[in-house]
Amino acid sequence: MTLRKFLPKNWISGALAAWLIVPAAIAFWLMFGHDIKAGLFSLVEKKAVVYSNVVVEIGESGKHFAQRYKEMIDVNDRNPGSHFYRLNWPDDALGTITVKNGSSSFVLDSVLSVLGDTDDTYPAEGIVGLSISMGLPPRNNVLHDEARLKFYALLQHIQEAGWKRWIDHSMPRLKGADALRYQMSGLENGAGLMSLDPGYMPSLDIWMKINDMTGWRFYLNDVYMNVQFMRDRGKMDPNLPGAYFLSLELESKGSFQRSALAFEDRKLWKELYPAVRKRQAVERTNSEEKLRSFGFKIDTEYHSPDE
């Protein structure tokens, strides 16, 4: 979801922080907020029809999406500049969705909710953001090692659908254990936003040390995606079952690039965004030079999929 549209220009690492803020807020809601009676939508369950399989895609018309699932969807048009579209599934009948992107698609099970948004300033772009919330079965009772294997199976599933690992252009090009070591190191401001390598599966011991809302980021067909998880901190014994919440955040390329600019500059984003990339390239060069001195190996063969 493109919360970044409403944020100022000078924030962490090219506007990546919203990819933490939005899933964290949704995670808190889904794990702890069933009794809270506030939010974007009325939480009174009033939908009689629940679709077991839903297709979502960045770029689809919000009106068409709402019409297709009209018996289930909640639409919020009360926010100036944006429309929001929410689908919720009950705990005893979680959803299955197909995430479509051009000719690519992959399927997600155990889905709790989908929240999409459109930007009224750019109506032709359709849905520019999707926030997908899901659990890892058995919900609230999955062994941590089983969760580790299931999570990396999901990352593999995403890659098989054609999605490529994406590293923010201001961040160092690291892979494997180096990417995780840097992400957990705190060596630089924003290191915690490092996109981890989906091809590197850590041991259970290291898995248990990975921070909540760590990101694995991907790109395909002008769409960015961030995959994150959050755990119930009261169930962290590695020998006992835990509870995991997963989120997938998708955002159109246009929306992502506009969000790197000050709000008043975003109508000129096509002209101004190249300067952002130049600044990010300098930041990456400086970071990589520093990390070499700490023994990190820079992945010079990495090629950004959004270039």
Protein backbone atom coordinates (compact mmCIF):
# COMPACT_ATOMS: atom_id res chain seq x y z
CA MET A 1 0.00 0.00 0.00
CA THR A 2 1.41 3.39 -0.94
CA LEU A 3 1.45 5.20 2.38
CA ARG A 4 4.63 6.87 1.11
CA LYS A 5 2.54 9.15 -1.10
CA PHE A 6 1.74 11.21 1.98
CA LEU A 7 5.23 11.25 3.55
CA PRO A 8 7.94 13.94 3.25
CA LYS A 9 10.95 13.54 1.02
CA ASN A 10 13.72 13.27 3.64
CA TRP A 11 13.19 9.88 5.18
CA ILE A 12 15.16 6.63 5.38
CA SER A 13 16.86 5.23 2.29
CA GLY A 14 14.80 6.35 -0.65
CA ALA A 15 11.43 5.85 1.06
CA LEU A 16 11.92 2.20 1.94
CA ALA A 17 10.68 2.69 5.51
CA ALA A 18 7.01 2.62 4.51
CA TRP A 19 7.53 -0.98 3.51
CA LEU A 20 8.10 -1.52 7.23
CA ILE A 21 5.46 0.84 8.59
CA VAL A 22 2.49 -0.50 6.66
CA PRO A 23 3.03 -4.24 7.24
CA ALA A 24 3.86 -3.62 10.91
CA ALA A 25 0.63 -1.74 11.42
CA ILE A 26 -1.37 -4.45 9.66
CA ALA A 27 0.46 -7.16 11.60
CA PHE A 28 -0.35 -5.48 14.90
CA TRP A 29 -3.99 -5.23 13.86
CA LEU A 30 -4.34 -8.84 12.77
CA MET A 31 -2.48 -10.31 15.73
CA PHE A 32 -3.80 -8.10 18.52
CA GLY A 33 -6.54 -5.85 17.27
CA HIS A 34 -9.66 -7.95 16.84
CA ASP A 35 -11.45 -5.98 19.54
CA ILE A 36 -10.46 -2.53 18.29
CA LYS A 37 -13.36 -0.70 16.69
CA ALA A 38 -11.52 1.86 14.58
CA GLY A 39 -9.70 2.10 11.27
CA LEU A 40 -10.17 2.82 7.62
CA PHE A 41 -13.23 0.61 7.38
CA SER A 42 -16.18 -0.43 9.48
CA LEU A 43 -15.23 -3.72 11.12
CA VAL A 44 -18.78 -4.99 11.43
CA GLU A 45 -18.86 -8.22 9.45
CA LYS A 46 -21.61 -7.60 6.95
CA LYS A 47 -20.48 -9.51 3.87
CA ALA A 48 -22.54 -12.61 3.23
CA VAL A 49 -20.41 -13.88 0.32
CA VAL A 50 -16.77 -14.89 0.77
CA TYR A 51 -14.74 -15.74 -2.32
CA SER A 52 -12.34 -18.61 -1.78
CA ASN A 53 -10.11 -17.58 -4.69
CA VAL A 54 -9.36 -13.99 -5.67
CA VAL A 55 -7.09 -12.64 -8.41
CA VAL A 56 -5.16 -9.43 -7.66
CA GLU A 57 -2.94 -7.40 -9.98
CA ILE A 58 -1.21 -4.04 -9.86
CA GLY A 59 -2.63 -1.85 -12.62
CA GLU A 60 -6.16 -3.25 -12.60
CA SER A 61 -8.92 -0.66 -12.44
CA GLY A 62 -10.12 -0.23 -8.87
CA LYS A 63 -13.70 -0.02 -10.11
CA HIS A 64 -13.36 -3.29 -12.01
CA PHE A 65 -11.78 -4.96 -8.96
CA ALA A 66 -14.60 -3.73 -6.72
CA GLN A 67 -17.26 -4.85 -9.20
CA ARG A 68 -15.74 -8.33 -9.59
CA TYR A 69 -15.87 -8.99 -5.85
CA LYS A 70 -18.73 -6.67 -4.95
CA GLU A 71 -20.40 -9.17 -2.59
CA MET A 72 -17.27 -9.28 -0.43
CA ILE A 73 -15.28 -6.08 -0.89
CA ASP A 74 -15.32 -2.96 1.27
CA VAL A 75 -14.52 0.30 -0.52
CA ASN A 76 -13.29 3.41 1.31
CA ASP A 77 -13.57 6.54 -0.83
CA ARG A 78 -13.53 8.99 2.07
CA ASN A 79 -9.81 9.79 1.82
CA PRO A 80 -8.96 12.72 -0.46
CA GLY A 81 -6.72 11.56 -3.29
CA SER A 82 -7.07 7.80 -2.76
CA HIS A 83 -9.53 4.93 -2.82
CA PHE A 84 -8.98 1.79 -0.74
CA TYR A 85 -10.34 -1.69 -1.42
CA ARG A 86 -10.36 -4.30 1.34
CA LEU A 87 -11.10 -8.02 1.33
CA ASN A 88 -11.13 -9.98 4.59
CA TRP A 89 -11.48 -13.71 5.15
CA PRO A 90 -12.80 -15.26 8.39
CA ASP A 91 -10.38 -17.22 10.58
CA ASP A 92 -12.17 -20.49 9.86
CA ALA A 93 -12.11 -20.05 6.05
CA LEU A 94 -8.91 -18.32 5.00
CA GLY A 95 -8.58 -17.26 1.41
CA THR A 96 -6.55 -18.30 -1.60
CA ILE A 97 -5.39 -15.59 -3.97
CA THR A 98 -3.58 -15.49 -7.28
CA VAL A 99 -1.03 -12.69 -7.58
CA LYS A 100 -0.92 -11.81 -11.26
CA ASN A 101 1.67 -9.67 -13.03
CA GLY A 102 1.37 -9.76 -16.80
CA SER A 103 1.94 -13.35 -17.90
CA SER A 104 3.36 -14.25 -14.47
CA SER A 105 1.30 -15.51 -11.55
CA PHE A 106 1.66 -17.38 -8.27
CA VAL A 107 -0.84 -18.60 -5.68
CA LEU A 108 -0.97 -17.83 -1.96
CA ASP A 109 -2.96 -19.79 0.61
CA SER A 110 -3.95 -18.96 4.20
CA VAL A 111 -4.68 -15.35 3.25
CA LEU A 112 -6.22 -13.15 5.94
CA SER A 113 -6.77 -9.94 3.99
CA VAL A 114 -5.96 -7.91 0.90
CA LEU A 115 -5.87 -4.12 0.84
CA GLY A 116 -5.46 -2.28 -2.45
CA ASP A 117 -5.32 1.42 -3.21
CA THR A 118 -5.60 3.73 -6.18
CA ASP A 119 -4.22 7.24 -6.60
CA ASP A 120 -6.84 9.66 -7.88
CA THR A 121 -4.11 11.86 -9.37
CA TYR A 122 -3.18 9.03 -11.73
CA PRO A 123 -6.47 7.20 -12.41
CA ALA A 124 -5.17 5.49 -15.55
CA GLU A 125 -2.62 3.59 -13.43
CA GLY A 126 -5.39 1.68 -11.63
CA ILE A 127 -4.40 -0.09 -8.43
CA VAL A 128 -0.91 1.13 -7.51
CA GLY A 129 -0.49 -0.68 -4.19
CA LEU A 130 -1.49 -4.03 -2.70
CA SER A 131 -0.95 -5.22 0.86
CA ILE A 132 -1.50 -8.96 1.36
CA SER A 133 -1.64 -10.42 4.87
CA MET A 134 -1.38 -14.14 5.52
CA GLY A 135 -0.42 -16.72 8.11
CA LEU A 136 1.74 -19.84 8.15
CA PRO A 137 -0.35 -22.92 8.88
CA PRO A 138 -1.08 -24.39 11.30
CA ARG A 139 -1.92 -20.87 12.39
CA ASN A 140 -0.49 -19.82 15.77
CA ASN A 141 0.94 -23.31 16.21
CA VAL A 142 3.75 -23.90 13.71
CA LEU A 143 7.16 -25.21 14.69
CA HIS A 144 9.85 -22.61 14.04
CA ASP A 145 11.93 -24.87 11.82
CA GLU A 146 8.84 -25.77 9.83
CA ALA A 147 8.07 -22.06 9.49
CA ARG A 148 11.60 -21.45 8.22
CA LEU A 149 11.23 -24.11 5.54
CA LYS A 150 7.77 -22.92 4.51
CA PHE A 151 8.89 -19.30 4.29
CA TYR A 152 11.82 -20.10 2.03
CA ALA A 153 9.60 -22.36 -0.06
CA LEU A 154 7.38 -19.29 -0.59
CA LEU A 155 10.39 -17.22 -1.67
CA GLN A 156 11.34 -19.98 -4.12
CA HIS A 157 7.76 -20.06 -5.40
CA ILE A 158 7.91 -16.32 -6.06
CA GLN A 159 11.19 -16.63 -7.95
CA GLU A 160 9.86 -19.48 -10.06
CA ALA A 161 7.11 -17.07 -11.16
CA GLY A 162 9.81 -14.81 -12.62
CA TRP A 163 10.37 -12.31 -9.82
CA LYS A 164 14.01 -11.23 -9.35
CA ARG A 165 15.74 -10.12 -6.18
CA TRP A 166 15.90 -6.33 -5.98
CA ILE A 167 18.32 -4.26 -3.88
CA ASP A 168 17.60 -0.58 -3.32
CA HIS A 169 19.97 1.48 -5.48
CA SER A 170 21.43 3.21 -2.42
CA MET A 171 22.24 -0.09 -0.69
CA PRO A 172 25.38 -2.24 -1.12
CA ARG A 173 25.32 -5.20 -3.48
CA LEU A 174 25.61 -8.11 -1.07
CA LYS A 175 24.38 -11.68 -1.28
CA GLY A 176 24.08 -14.78 0.85
CA ALA A 177 25.40 -14.64 4.40
CA ASP A 178 27.01 -11.25 3.77
CA ALA A 179 23.64 -9.62 3.11
CA LEU A 180 22.23 -11.02 6.35
CA ARG A 181 25.35 -10.11 8.35
CA TYR A 182 25.14 -6.54 7.09
CA GLN A 183 21.40 -6.34 7.72
CA MET A 184 21.88 -7.40 11.34
CA SER A 185 25.08 -5.41 11.92
CA GLY A 186 23.90 -1.83 12.34
CA LEU A 187 27.11 -0.75 10.59
CA GLU A 188 25.27 1.96 8.68
CA ASN A 189 22.07 3.93 9.08
CA GLY A 190 19.39 2.01 7.23
CA ALA A 191 21.29 -1.31 7.17
CA GLY A 192 18.20 -2.98 8.64
CA LEU A 193 16.39 -2.24 5.37
CA MET A 194 18.76 -4.42 3.36
CA SER A 195 17.01 -6.82 0.99
CA LEU A 196 18.06 -10.32 1.97
CA ASP A 197 19.06 -13.02 -0.49
CA PRO A 198 16.15 -15.44 -1.09
CA GLY A 199 18.65 -18.07 -2.23
CA TYR A 200 20.37 -18.17 1.16
CA MET A 201 18.60 -20.17 3.88
CA PRO A 202 20.12 -19.64 7.35
CA SER A 203 20.27 -22.26 10.09
CA LEU A 204 17.44 -22.43 12.61
CA ASP A 205 19.63 -20.69 15.20
CA ILE A 206 20.22 -17.71 12.90
CA TRP A 207 16.61 -17.75 11.69
CA MET A 208 15.47 -17.18 15.26
CA LYS A 209 17.69 -14.07 15.44
CA ILE A 210 16.32 -12.40 12.31
CA ASN A 211 14.37 -9.29 13.25
CA ASP A 212 10.66 -8.94 12.59
CA MET A 213 9.80 -7.06 9.38
CA THR A 214 13.11 -7.92 7.72
CA GLY A 215 12.54 -7.73 3.98
CA TRP A 216 13.12 -9.88 0.91
CA ARG A 217 12.49 -7.58 -2.05
CA PHE A 218 11.70 -8.43 -5.65
CA TYR A 219 10.90 -6.77 -8.96
CA LEU A 220 9.06 -7.84 -12.13
CA ASN A 221 7.26 -6.03 -14.94
CA ASP A 222 7.32 -2.55 -13.36
CA VAL A 223 6.17 -3.82 -9.96
CA TYR A 224 8.12 -3.91 -6.70
CA MET A 225 7.36 -6.48 -3.99
CA ASN A 226 8.51 -6.76 -0.40
CA VAL A 227 8.00 -10.00 1.57
CA GLN A 228 8.24 -9.80 5.35
CA PHE A 229 7.30 -11.78 8.44
CA MET A 230 6.47 -11.03 12.05
CA ARG A 231 6.46 -13.44 15.00
CA ASP A 232 4.60 -13.64 18.28
CA ARG A 233 7.42 -12.62 20.62
CA GLY A 234 5.86 -14.65 23.41
CA LYS A 235 6.43 -17.88 21.45
CA MET A 236 10.14 -17.74 20.66
CA ASP A 237 11.34 -21.03 22.17
CA PRO A 238 12.85 -22.77 19.09
CA ASN A 239 11.73 -26.16 20.42
CA LEU A 240 8.09 -25.16 20.80
CA PRO A 241 5.48 -23.98 18.26
CA GLY A 242 5.34 -20.32 17.33
CA ALA A 243 2.99 -17.97 15.50
CA TYR A 244 3.92 -16.22 12.25
CA PHE A 245 2.32 -13.42 10.27
CA LEU A 246 3.45 -12.75 6.69
CA SER A 247 2.93 -9.70 4.51
CA LEU A 248 3.53 -9.06 0.82
CA GLU A 249 3.59 -5.43 -0.28
CA LEU A 250 3.35 -4.69 -4.00
CA GLU A 251 3.72 -1.27 -5.57
CA SER A 252 3.77 0.05 -9.12
CA LYS A 253 7.01 1.49 -10.46
CA GLY A 254 5.45 4.91 -10.99
CA SER A 255 4.12 5.11 -7.45
CA PHE A 256 7.43 3.88 -6.03
CA GLN A 257 9.44 6.50 -7.90
CA ARG A 258 7.06 9.35 -7.06
CA SER A 259 7.33 8.48 -3.39
CA ALA A 260 11.06 9.22 -3.43
CA LEU A 261 10.27 12.88 -4.13
CA ALA A 262 8.84 15.70 -2.08
CA PHE A 263 5.06 15.78 -2.37
CA GLU A 264 5.05 19.05 -4.29
CA ASP A 265 7.52 17.65 -6.85
CA ARG A 266 5.72 14.44 -7.67
CA LYS A 267 3.85 15.71 -10.70
CA LEU A 268 7.28 16.14 -12.31
CA TRP A 269 8.52 12.74 -11.18
CA LYS A 270 9.60 11.55 -14.63
CA GLU A 271 11.91 14.53 -15.00
CA LEU A 272 13.17 14.58 -11.41
CA TYR A 273 13.59 10.91 -10.54
CA PRO A 274 16.85 10.40 -12.53
CA ALA A 275 18.57 12.76 -10.08
CA VAL A 276 17.44 10.48 -7.23
CA ARG A 277 19.14 7.54 -8.93
CA LYS A 278 22.37 9.51 -9.31
CA ARG A 279 22.35 10.34 -5.61
CA GLN A 280 21.65 6.71 -4.73
CA ALA A 281 24.54 5.53 -6.91
CA VAL A 282 26.93 7.72 -4.90
CA GLU A 283 25.52 6.35 -1.65
CA ARG A 284 26.01 2.77 -2.87
CA THR A 285 29.61 3.43 -3.95
CA ASN A 286 30.47 4.96 -0.59
CA SER A 287 28.81 2.13 1.32
CA GLU A 288 30.53 -0.60 -0.68
CA GLU A 289 33.93 1.03 -0.23
CA LYS A 290 33.40 1.08 3.53
CA LEU A 291 32.16 -2.52 3.68
CA ARG A 292 35.13 -3.86 1.75
CA SER A 293 37.31 -2.67 4.63
CA PHE A 294 35.18 -4.79 6.98
CA GLY A 295 35.68 -7.92 4.89
CA PHE A 296 32.38 -7.95 3.00
CA LYS A 297 32.45 -9.28 -0.56
CA ILE A 298 30.61 -7.02 -3.00
CA ASP A 299 28.49 -8.88 -5.54
CA THR A 300 29.70 -7.09 -8.67
CA GLU A 301 27.68 -9.48 -10.84
CA TYR A 302 24.38 -8.26 -9.41
CA HIS A 303 22.25 -6.46 -12.01
CA SER A 304 19.21 -4.54 -10.85
CA PRO A 305 16.07 -5.91 -12.52
CA ASP A 306 14.44 -2.46 -12.70
CA GLU A 307 17.09 -1.04 -15.05
